[in-house]
Amino acid sequence: MNVTIADNEKAIIEKHSKILSTISHDLKSPMIALLGFSRIMMREIEATNANQRWLDML
């Protein structure tokens, strides 16, 4: 079975949505910010050294 990147990303987004729907509001905002930041960083084709440092921390 071929799993495409889009299928994989869709599954990840669904899992994140399920998790976020069950946690408190105090945790949602920082979690959403981290998820958005990590998605932006992961989509970059060539990670610079500075970006790679941030990716390693996530």
PDB file of N, CA and C in Angstrom:
ATOM      1  N   MET A   1       0.847  -1.192   0.000  1.00  0.00           N
ATOM      2  CA  MET A   1       0.000   0.000   0.000  1.00  0.00           C
ATOM      3  C   MET A   1       0.881   1.239   0.000  1.00  0.00           C
ATOM      4  N   ASN A   2       0.660   2.103  -0.950  1.00  0.00           N
ATOM      5  CA  ASN A   2       1.407   3.346  -1.037  1.00  0.00           C
ATOM      6  C   ASN A   2       0.734   4.410  -0.187  1.00  0.00           C
ATOM      7  N   VAL A   3       1.468   4.933   0.762  1.00  0.00           N
ATOM      8  CA  VAL A   3       0.959   6.026   1.590  1.00  0.00           C
ATOM      9  C   VAL A   3       1.651   7.293   1.121  1.00  0.00           C
ATOM     10  N   THR A   4       0.855   8.227   0.645  1.00  0.00           N
ATOM     11  CA  THR A   4       1.433   9.472   0.154  1.00  0.00           C
ATOM     12  C   THR A   4       1.669  10.428   1.316  1.00  0.00           C
ATOM     13  N   ILE A   5       2.440  11.449   1.048  1.00  0.00           N
ATOM     14  CA  ILE A   5       2.710  12.472   2.062  1.00  0.00           C
ATOM     15  C   ILE A   5       1.404  13.144   2.471  1.00  0.00           C
ATOM     16  N   ALA A   6       0.536  13.384   1.515  1.00  0.00           N
ATOM     17  CA  ALA A   6      -0.753  14.026   1.824  1.00  0.00           C
ATOM     18  C   ALA A   6      -1.594  13.149   2.743  1.00  0.00           C
ATOM     19  N   ASP A   7      -1.611  11.837   2.491  1.00  0.00           N
ATOM     20  CA  ASP A   7      -2.353  10.916   3.357  1.00  0.00           C
ATOM     21  C   ASP A   7      -1.772  10.905   4.760  1.00  0.00           C
ATOM     22  N   ASN A   8      -0.453  10.892   4.831  1.00  0.00           N
ATOM     23  CA  ASN A   8       0.231  10.889   6.117  1.00  0.00           C
ATOM     24  C   ASN A   8      -0.065  12.175   6.883  1.00  0.00           C
ATOM     25  N   GLU A   9       0.002  13.304   6.200  1.00  0.00           N
ATOM     26  CA  GLU A   9      -0.271  14.591   6.835  1.00  0.00           C
ATOM     27  C   GLU A   9      -1.722  14.660   7.300  1.00  0.00           C
ATOM     28  N   LYS A  10      -2.633  14.140   6.496  1.00  0.00           N
ATOM     29  CA  LYS A  10      -4.052  14.134   6.873  1.00  0.00           C
ATOM     30  C   LYS A  10      -4.269  13.319   8.145  1.00  0.00           C
ATOM     31  N   ALA A  11      -3.631  12.166   8.240  1.00  0.00           N
ATOM     32  CA  ALA A  11      -3.756  11.327   9.432  1.00  0.00           C
ATOM     33  C   ALA A  11      -3.192  12.030  10.663  1.00  0.00           C
ATOM     34  N   ILE A  12      -2.070  12.709  10.489  1.00  0.00           N
ATOM     35  CA  ILE A  12      -1.456  13.436  11.599  1.00  0.00           C
ATOM     36  C   ILE A  12      -2.362  14.571  12.062  1.00  0.00           C
ATOM     37  N   ILE A  13      -2.929  15.304  11.119  1.00  0.00           N
ATOM     38  CA  ILE A  13      -3.820  16.409  11.459  1.00  0.00           C
ATOM     39  C   ILE A  13      -5.052  15.895  12.197  1.00  0.00           C
ATOM     40  N   GLU A  14      -5.597  14.761  11.764  1.00  0.00           N
ATOM     41  CA  GLU A  14      -6.754  14.176  12.440  1.00  0.00           C
ATOM     42  C   GLU A  14      -6.409  13.780  13.872  1.00  0.00           C
ATOM     43  N   LYS A  15      -5.236  13.195  14.077  1.00  0.00           N
ATOM     44  CA  LYS A  15      -4.805  12.806  15.430  1.00  0.00           C
ATOM     45  C   LYS A  15      -4.618  14.036  16.300  1.00  0.00           C
ATOM     46  N   HIS A  16      -4.005  15.070  15.756  1.00  0.00           N
ATOM     47  CA  HIS A  16      -3.801  16.308  16.513  1.00  0.00           C
ATOM     48  C   HIS A  16      -5.136  16.940  16.882  1.00  0.00           C
ATOM     49  N   SER A  17      -6.079  16.928  15.961  1.00  0.00           N
ATOM     50  CA  SER A  17      -7.397  17.495  16.233  1.00  0.00           C
ATOM     51  C   SER A  17      -8.084  16.746  17.368  1.00  0.00           C
ATOM     52  N   LYS A  18      -7.950  15.437  17.356  1.00  0.00           N
ATOM     53  CA  LYS A  18      -8.565  14.624  18.409  1.00  0.00           C
ATOM     54  C   LYS A  18      -7.931  14.930  19.768  1.00  0.00           C
ATOM     55  N   ILE A  19      -6.632  15.043  19.796  1.00  0.00           N
ATOM     56  CA  ILE A  19      -5.927  15.354  21.046  1.00  0.00           C
ATOM     57  C   ILE A  19      -6.315  16.744  21.529  1.00  0.00           C
ATOM     58  N   LEU A  20      -6.298  17.716  20.624  1.00  0.00           N
ATOM     59  CA  LEU A  20      -6.601  19.094  21.005  1.00  0.00           C
ATOM     60  C   LEU A  20      -8.039  19.256  21.484  1.00  0.00           C
ATOM     61  N   SER A  21      -8.941  18.428  21.007  1.00  0.00           N
ATOM     62  CA  SER A  21     -10.331  18.542  21.438  1.00  0.00           C
ATOM     63  C   SER A  21     -10.524  18.054  22.866  1.00  0.00           C
ATOM     64  N   THR A  22      -9.560  17.301  23.381  1.00  0.00           N
ATOM     65  CA  THR A  22      -9.713  16.753  24.724  1.00  0.00           C
ATOM     66  C   THR A  22      -8.898  17.477  25.791  1.00  0.00           C
ATOM     67  N   ILE A  23      -7.979  18.343  25.396  1.00  0.00           N
ATOM     68  CA  ILE A  23      -7.164  19.027  26.402  1.00  0.00           C
ATOM     69  C   ILE A  23      -7.758  20.382  26.754  1.00  0.00           C
ATOM     70  N   SER A  24      -7.319  20.917  27.857  1.00  0.00           N
ATOM     71  CA  SER A  24      -7.871  22.175  28.338  1.00  0.00           C
ATOM     72  C   SER A  24      -7.464  23.347  27.444  1.00  0.00           C
ATOM     73  N   HIS A  25      -8.222  24.410  27.548  1.00  0.00           N
ATOM     74  CA  HIS A  25      -7.981  25.612  26.752  1.00  0.00           C
ATOM     75  C   HIS A  25      -6.602  26.208  27.035  1.00  0.00           C
ATOM     76  N   ASP A  26      -6.137  26.104  28.279  1.00  0.00           N
ATOM     77  CA  ASP A  26      -4.839  26.670  28.647  1.00  0.00           C
ATOM     78  C   ASP A  26      -3.691  26.019  27.880  1.00  0.00           C
ATOM     79  N   LEU A  27      -3.872  24.789  27.475  1.00  0.00           N
ATOM     80  CA  LEU A  27      -2.830  24.102  26.720  1.00  0.00           C
ATOM     81  C   LEU A  27      -3.018  24.212  25.213  1.00  0.00           C
ATOM     82  N   LYS A  28      -4.245  24.485  24.784  1.00  0.00           N
ATOM     83  CA  LYS A  28      -4.521  24.510  23.345  1.00  0.00           C
ATOM     84  C   LYS A  28      -3.728  25.569  22.593  1.00  0.00           C
ATOM     85  N   SER A  29      -3.734  26.791  23.081  1.00  0.00           N
ATOM     86  CA  SER A  29      -3.072  27.872  22.338  1.00  0.00           C
ATOM     87  C   SER A  29      -1.584  27.619  22.118  1.00  0.00           C
ATOM     88  N   PRO A  30      -0.830  27.278  23.177  1.00  0.00           N
ATOM     89  CA  PRO A  30       0.594  26.988  22.929  1.00  0.00           C
ATOM     90  C   PRO A  30       0.807  25.771  22.035  1.00  0.00           C
ATOM     91  N   MET A  31      -0.033  24.743  22.200  1.00  0.00           N
ATOM     92  CA  MET A  31       0.109  23.550  21.369  1.00  0.00           C
ATOM     93  C   MET A  31      -0.157  23.871  19.902  1.00  0.00           C
ATOM     94  N   ILE A  32      -1.187  24.652  19.640  1.00  0.00           N
ATOM     95  CA  ILE A  32      -1.520  25.018  18.266  1.00  0.00           C
ATOM     96  C   ILE A  32      -0.394  25.839  17.649  1.00  0.00           C
ATOM     97  N   ALA A  33       0.183  26.733  18.436  1.00  0.00           N
ATOM     98  CA  ALA A  33       1.308  27.533  17.938  1.00  0.00           C
ATOM     99  C   ALA A  33       2.501  26.640  17.595  1.00  0.00           C
ATOM    100  N   LEU A  34       2.813  25.684  18.459  1.00  0.00           N
ATOM    101  CA  LEU A  34       3.924  24.770  18.192  1.00  0.00           C
ATOM    102  C   LEU A  34       3.654  23.900  16.970  1.00  0.00           C
ATOM    103  N   LEU A  35       2.436  23.417  16.835  1.00  0.00           N
ATOM    104  CA  LEU A  35       2.100  22.589  15.679  1.00  0.00           C
ATOM    105  C   LEU A  35       2.225  23.387  14.385  1.00  0.00           C
ATOM    106  N   GLY A  36       1.722  24.604  14.403  1.00  0.00           N
ATOM    107  CA  GLY A  36       1.831  25.446  13.206  1.00  0.00           C
ATOM    108  C   GLY A  36       3.266  25.754  12.851  1.00  0.00           C
ATOM    109  N   PHE A  37       4.056  26.082  13.868  1.00  0.00           N
ATOM    110  CA  PHE A  37       5.475  26.379  13.659  1.00  0.00           C
ATOM    111  C   PHE A  37       6.196  25.158  13.099  1.00  0.00           C
ATOM    112  N   SER A  38       5.917  23.986  13.666  1.00  0.00           N
ATOM    113  CA  SER A  38       6.607  22.783  13.199  1.00  0.00           C
ATOM    114  C   SER A  38       6.200  22.427  11.775  1.00  0.00           C
ATOM    115  N   ARG A  39       4.922  22.653  11.409  1.00  0.00           N
ATOM    116  CA  ARG A  39       4.491  22.381  10.035  1.00  0.00           C
ATOM    117  C   ARG A  39       5.210  23.289   9.054  1.00  0.00           C
ATOM    118  N   ILE A  40       5.352  24.555   9.404  1.00  0.00           N
ATOM    119  CA  ILE A  40       6.057  25.493   8.526  1.00  0.00           C
ATOM    120  C   ILE A  40       7.508  25.055   8.356  1.00  0.00           C
ATOM    121  N   MET A  41       8.142  24.700   9.454  1.00  0.00           N
ATOM    122  CA  MET A  41       9.545  24.296   9.399  1.00  0.00           C
ATOM    123  C   MET A  41       9.726  23.006   8.601  1.00  0.00           C
ATOM    124  N   MET A  42       8.800  22.055   8.756  1.00  0.00           N
ATOM    125  CA  MET A  42       8.922  20.773   8.068  1.00  0.00           C
ATOM    126  C   MET A  42       8.698  20.907   6.564  1.00  0.00           C
ATOM    127  N   ARG A  43       7.946  21.905   6.142  1.00  0.00           N
ATOM    128  CA  ARG A  43       7.648  22.069   4.726  1.00  0.00           C
ATOM    129  C   ARG A  43       8.799  22.697   3.949  1.00  0.00           C
ATOM    130  N   GLU A  44       9.738  23.283   4.645  1.00  0.00           N
ATOM    131  CA  GLU A  44      10.865  23.881   3.943  1.00  0.00           C
ATOM    132  C   GLU A  44      11.708  22.781   3.326  1.00  0.00           C
ATOM    133  N   ILE A  45      12.061  22.979   2.079  1.00  0.00           N
ATOM    134  CA  ILE A  45      12.808  21.947   1.363  1.00  0.00           C
ATOM    135  C   ILE A  45      14.219  21.804   1.919  1.00  0.00           C
ATOM    136  N   GLU A  46      14.908  22.918   2.065  1.00  0.00           N
ATOM    137  CA  GLU A  46      16.262  22.878   2.600  1.00  0.00           C
ATOM    138  C   GLU A  46      16.274  23.625   3.925  1.00  0.00           C
ATOM    139  N   ALA A  47      16.493  22.886   4.995  1.00  0.00           N
ATOM    140  CA  ALA A  47      16.548  23.523   6.313  1.00  0.00           C
ATOM    141  C   ALA A  47      17.938  24.123   6.520  1.00  0.00           C
ATOM    142  N   THR A  48      17.959  25.383   6.866  1.00  0.00           N
ATOM    143  CA  THR A  48      19.237  26.011   7.180  1.00  0.00           C
ATOM    144  C   THR A  48      19.689  25.505   8.541  1.00  0.00           C
ATOM    145  N   ASN A  49      20.886  25.841   8.939  1.00  0.00           N
ATOM    146  CA  ASN A  49      21.389  25.410  10.237  1.00  0.00           C
ATOM    147  C   ASN A  49      20.521  25.918  11.372  1.00  0.00           C
ATOM    148  N   ALA A  50      20.068  27.156  11.289  1.00  0.00           N
ATOM    149  CA  ALA A  50      19.217  27.722  12.336  1.00  0.00           C
ATOM    150  C   ALA A  50      17.881  26.993  12.384  1.00  0.00           C
ATOM    151  N   ASN A  51      17.292  26.737  11.219  1.00  0.00           N
ATOM    152  CA  ASN A  51      16.032  26.006  11.169  1.00  0.00           C
ATOM    153  C   ASN A  51      16.188  24.583  11.681  1.00  0.00           C
ATOM    154  N   GLN A  52      17.296  23.951  11.338  1.00  0.00           N
ATOM    155  CA  GLN A  52      17.521  22.582  11.784  1.00  0.00           C
ATOM    156  C   GLN A  52      17.606  22.527  13.299  1.00  0.00           C
ATOM    157  N   ARG A  53      18.188  23.541  13.931  1.00  0.00           N
ATOM    158  CA  ARG A  53      18.257  23.588  15.392  1.00  0.00           C
ATOM    159  C   ARG A  53      16.858  23.607  15.987  1.00  0.00           C
ATOM    160  N   TRP A  54      15.973  24.420  15.402  1.00  0.00           N
ATOM    161  CA  TRP A  54      14.590  24.498  15.891  1.00  0.00           C
ATOM    162  C   TRP A  54      13.865  23.163  15.671  1.00  0.00           C
ATOM    163  N   LEU A  55      14.092  22.538  14.513  1.00  0.00           N
ATOM    164  CA  LEU A  55      13.462  21.252  14.241  1.00  0.00           C
ATOM    165  C   LEU A  55      13.924  20.192  15.222  1.00  0.00           C
ATOM    166  N   ASP A  56      15.203  20.214  15.554  1.00  0.00           N
ATOM    167  CA  ASP A  56      15.733  19.241  16.515  1.00  0.00           C
ATOM    168  C   ASP A  56      15.095  19.403  17.889  1.00  0.00           C
ATOM    169  N   MET A  57      14.797  20.661  18.265  1.00  0.00           N
ATOM    170  CA  MET A  57      14.161  20.909  19.567  1.00  0.00           C
ATOM    171  C   MET A  57      12.725  20.409  19.594  1.00  0.00           C
ATOM    172  N   LEU A  58      12.043  20.478  18.438  1.00  0.00           N
ATOM    173  CA  LEU A  58      10.655  20.017  18.378  1.00  0.00           C
ATOM    174  C   LEU A  58      10.631  18.522  18.380  1.00  0.00           C
TER     175      LEU A  58
END
